[in-house]
Amino acid sequence: NYVIKLYTINKDNTRIPYDLTGPWKYKLVFPSVTGGTIDIFANMDNDKTNYGNGSLSFYISKDSAGAIMSVPASERYFSLMIDNDANNSVIYEGRVEWKA
């Protein structure tokens, strides 16, 4: 499981956990070599996921990791998104790198 914790910074430069509560689902989206996407949804069966304190946990299988890493490094990114029928909003985007 990979845990992502989201925070906001207040005027006193203090990190405040970002409240993710609501009727939404969250997912990580990665590009695939076929031109589609690899969607990985937050793992709700894990005690590390806590919407109230901005913590999301994602299980990335060996097969999914291989598919993610098979994308050329220049195109290897991810988006953390709200998944809902009316709108798929991006919360955060970043690059995926291999660290040995």
C-alpha atoms as a PDB file:
ATOM      1  CA  ASN A   1       0.000   0.000   0.000  1.00  0.00           C
ATOM      2  CA  TYR A   2       1.139   3.513  -0.842  1.00  0.00           C
ATOM      3  CA  VAL A   3      -0.159   6.293   1.408  1.00  0.00           C
ATOM      4  CA  ILE A   4      -0.697   9.858   0.255  1.00  0.00           C
ATOM      5  CA  LYS A   5      -1.409  12.521   2.878  1.00  0.00           C
ATOM      6  CA  LEU A   6      -2.767  15.877   1.758  1.00  0.00           C
ATOM      7  CA  TYR A   7      -2.369  19.078   3.746  1.00  0.00           C
ATOM      8  CA  THR A   8      -3.100  22.766   3.413  1.00  0.00           C
ATOM      9  CA  ILE A   9      -0.794  25.421   4.863  1.00  0.00           C
ATOM     10  CA  ASN A  10      -2.393  28.104   7.028  1.00  0.00           C
ATOM     11  CA  LYS A  11      -1.218  31.705   7.410  1.00  0.00           C
ATOM     12  CA  ASP A  12       1.092  30.644  10.286  1.00  0.00           C
ATOM     13  CA  ASN A  13       2.798  28.138   7.939  1.00  0.00           C
ATOM     14  CA  THR A  14       1.290  25.189   9.830  1.00  0.00           C
ATOM     15  CA  ARG A  15       0.231  22.054   7.959  1.00  0.00           C
ATOM     16  CA  ILE A  16      -3.471  21.282   8.393  1.00  0.00           C
ATOM     17  CA  PRO A  17      -4.741  17.864   7.208  1.00  0.00           C
ATOM     18  CA  TYR A  18      -6.954  18.294   4.147  1.00  0.00           C
ATOM     19  CA  ASP A  19     -10.536  17.124   4.758  1.00  0.00           C
ATOM     20  CA  LEU A  20     -11.509  14.691   1.975  1.00  0.00           C
ATOM     21  CA  THR A  21     -14.857  13.656   3.467  1.00  0.00           C
ATOM     22  CA  GLY A  22     -17.828  13.662   1.150  1.00  0.00           C
ATOM     23  CA  PRO A  23     -19.627  11.382  -1.285  1.00  0.00           C
ATOM     24  CA  TRP A  24     -16.574  10.933  -3.535  1.00  0.00           C
ATOM     25  CA  LYS A  25     -14.203   8.167  -4.500  1.00  0.00           C
ATOM     26  CA  TYR A  26     -10.543   8.861  -5.095  1.00  0.00           C
ATOM     27  CA  LYS A  27      -8.218   7.311  -7.647  1.00  0.00           C
ATOM     28  CA  LEU A  28      -4.701   7.501  -9.011  1.00  0.00           C
ATOM     29  CA  VAL A  29      -4.567   7.676 -12.805  1.00  0.00           C
ATOM     30  CA  PHE A  30      -1.466   6.760 -14.796  1.00  0.00           C
ATOM     31  CA  PRO A  31      -1.014   6.735 -18.589  1.00  0.00           C
ATOM     32  CA  SER A  32      -0.528   3.339 -20.224  1.00  0.00           C
ATOM     33  CA  VAL A  33       1.552   2.377 -23.248  1.00  0.00           C
ATOM     34  CA  THR A  34      -1.681   1.514 -25.104  1.00  0.00           C
ATOM     35  CA  GLY A  35      -2.907   5.107 -24.914  1.00  0.00           C
ATOM     36  CA  GLY A  36      -5.474   4.442 -22.189  1.00  0.00           C
ATOM     37  CA  THR A  37      -5.098   4.836 -18.463  1.00  0.00           C
ATOM     38  CA  ILE A  38      -4.362   2.687 -15.444  1.00  0.00           C
ATOM     39  CA  ASP A  39      -6.850   3.616 -12.701  1.00  0.00           C
ATOM     40  CA  ILE A  40      -6.150   2.576  -9.110  1.00  0.00           C
ATOM     41  CA  PHE A  41      -8.816   3.358  -6.527  1.00  0.00           C
ATOM     42  CA  ALA A  42      -8.190   4.203  -2.873  1.00  0.00           C
ATOM     43  CA  ASN A  43      -8.073   1.118  -0.673  1.00  0.00           C
ATOM     44  CA  MET A  44     -10.933   1.537   1.786  1.00  0.00           C
ATOM     45  CA  ASP A  45     -10.128  -1.769   3.550  1.00  0.00           C
ATOM     46  CA  ASN A  46      -6.897  -0.336   4.916  1.00  0.00           C
ATOM     47  CA  ASP A  47      -6.624   1.474   8.255  1.00  0.00           C
ATOM     48  CA  LYS A  48      -4.247   3.995   6.638  1.00  0.00           C
ATOM     49  CA  THR A  49      -7.121   5.527   4.610  1.00  0.00           C
ATOM     50  CA  ASN A  50      -8.801   8.282   6.604  1.00  0.00           C
ATOM     51  CA  TYR A  51     -10.700  10.906   4.599  1.00  0.00           C
ATOM     52  CA  GLY A  52     -11.023  13.183   7.629  1.00  0.00           C
ATOM     53  CA  ASN A  53      -7.276  13.592   8.026  1.00  0.00           C
ATOM     54  CA  GLY A  54      -6.412  13.670   4.318  1.00  0.00           C
ATOM     55  CA  SER A  55      -4.919  10.148   4.133  1.00  0.00           C
ATOM     56  CA  LEU A  56      -5.490   7.907   1.129  1.00  0.00           C
ATOM     57  CA  SER A  57      -4.006   4.441   0.704  1.00  0.00           C
ATOM     58  CA  PHE A  58      -3.558   2.746  -2.669  1.00  0.00           C
ATOM     59  CA  TYR A  59      -2.556  -0.847  -3.366  1.00  0.00           C
ATOM     60  CA  ILE A  60      -0.477  -1.040  -6.537  1.00  0.00           C
ATOM     61  CA  SER A  61      -0.015  -4.637  -7.667  1.00  0.00           C
ATOM     62  CA  LYS A  62       3.177  -5.939  -9.254  1.00  0.00           C
ATOM     63  CA  ASP A  63       1.396  -6.115 -12.634  1.00  0.00           C
ATOM     64  CA  SER A  64       0.121  -2.531 -12.357  1.00  0.00           C
ATOM     65  CA  ALA A  65       3.567  -1.287 -11.278  1.00  0.00           C
ATOM     66  CA  GLY A  66       5.103  -3.015 -14.303  1.00  0.00           C
ATOM     67  CA  ALA A  67       2.547  -1.408 -16.613  1.00  0.00           C
ATOM     68  CA  ILE A  68       3.164   2.021 -15.061  1.00  0.00           C
ATOM     69  CA  MET A  69       6.938   1.697 -15.366  1.00  0.00           C
ATOM     70  CA  SER A  70       6.719   0.486 -18.993  1.00  0.00           C
ATOM     71  CA  VAL A  71       5.610   3.969 -20.051  1.00  0.00           C
ATOM     72  CA  PRO A  72       8.568   6.089 -21.251  1.00  0.00           C
ATOM     73  CA  ALA A  73       9.978   8.199 -18.405  1.00  0.00           C
ATOM     74  CA  SER A  74       9.144  11.442 -20.238  1.00  0.00           C
ATOM     75  CA  GLU A  75       5.430  10.501 -20.170  1.00  0.00           C
ATOM     76  CA  ARG A  76       5.296   8.819 -16.766  1.00  0.00           C
ATOM     77  CA  TYR A  77       3.043  10.939 -14.551  1.00  0.00           C
ATOM     78  CA  PHE A  78       0.114  10.424 -12.221  1.00  0.00           C
ATOM     79  CA  SER A  79      -2.986  12.342 -11.284  1.00  0.00           C
ATOM     80  CA  LEU A  80      -4.826  12.060  -7.979  1.00  0.00           C
ATOM     81  CA  MET A  81      -8.461  12.531  -8.920  1.00  0.00           C
ATOM     82  CA  ILE A  82     -11.947  12.675  -7.495  1.00  0.00           C
ATOM     83  CA  ASP A  83     -13.924  10.017  -9.341  1.00  0.00           C
ATOM     84  CA  ASN A  84     -17.583  10.833  -9.679  1.00  0.00           C
ATOM     85  CA  ASP A  85     -20.052  10.411 -12.497  1.00  0.00           C
ATOM     86  CA  ALA A  86     -20.491  14.120 -13.170  1.00  0.00           C
ATOM     87  CA  ASN A  87     -16.897  15.267 -12.848  1.00  0.00           C
ATOM     88  CA  ASN A  88     -13.427  13.762 -12.571  1.00  0.00           C
ATOM     89  CA  SER A  89     -11.516  16.581 -10.890  1.00  0.00           C
ATOM     90  CA  VAL A  90      -7.743  16.561 -10.530  1.00  0.00           C
ATOM     91  CA  ILE A  91      -6.536  17.238  -6.981  1.00  0.00           C
ATOM     92  CA  TYR A  92      -2.804  16.763  -7.547  1.00  0.00           C
ATOM     93  CA  GLU A  93      -0.445  15.761 -10.354  1.00  0.00           C
ATOM     94  CA  GLY A  94       3.114  14.531 -10.232  1.00  0.00           C
ATOM     95  CA  ARG A  95       5.841  12.536 -11.982  1.00  0.00           C
ATOM     96  CA  VAL A  96       6.648   8.872 -11.415  1.00  0.00           C
ATOM     97  CA  GLU A  97      10.334   8.076 -11.073  1.00  0.00           C
ATOM     98  CA  TRP A  98      12.276   4.945 -10.304  1.00  0.00           C
ATOM     99  CA  LYS A  99      14.383   5.238  -7.162  1.00  0.00           C
ATOM    100  CA  ALA A 100      16.794   2.336  -6.619  1.00  0.00           C
END
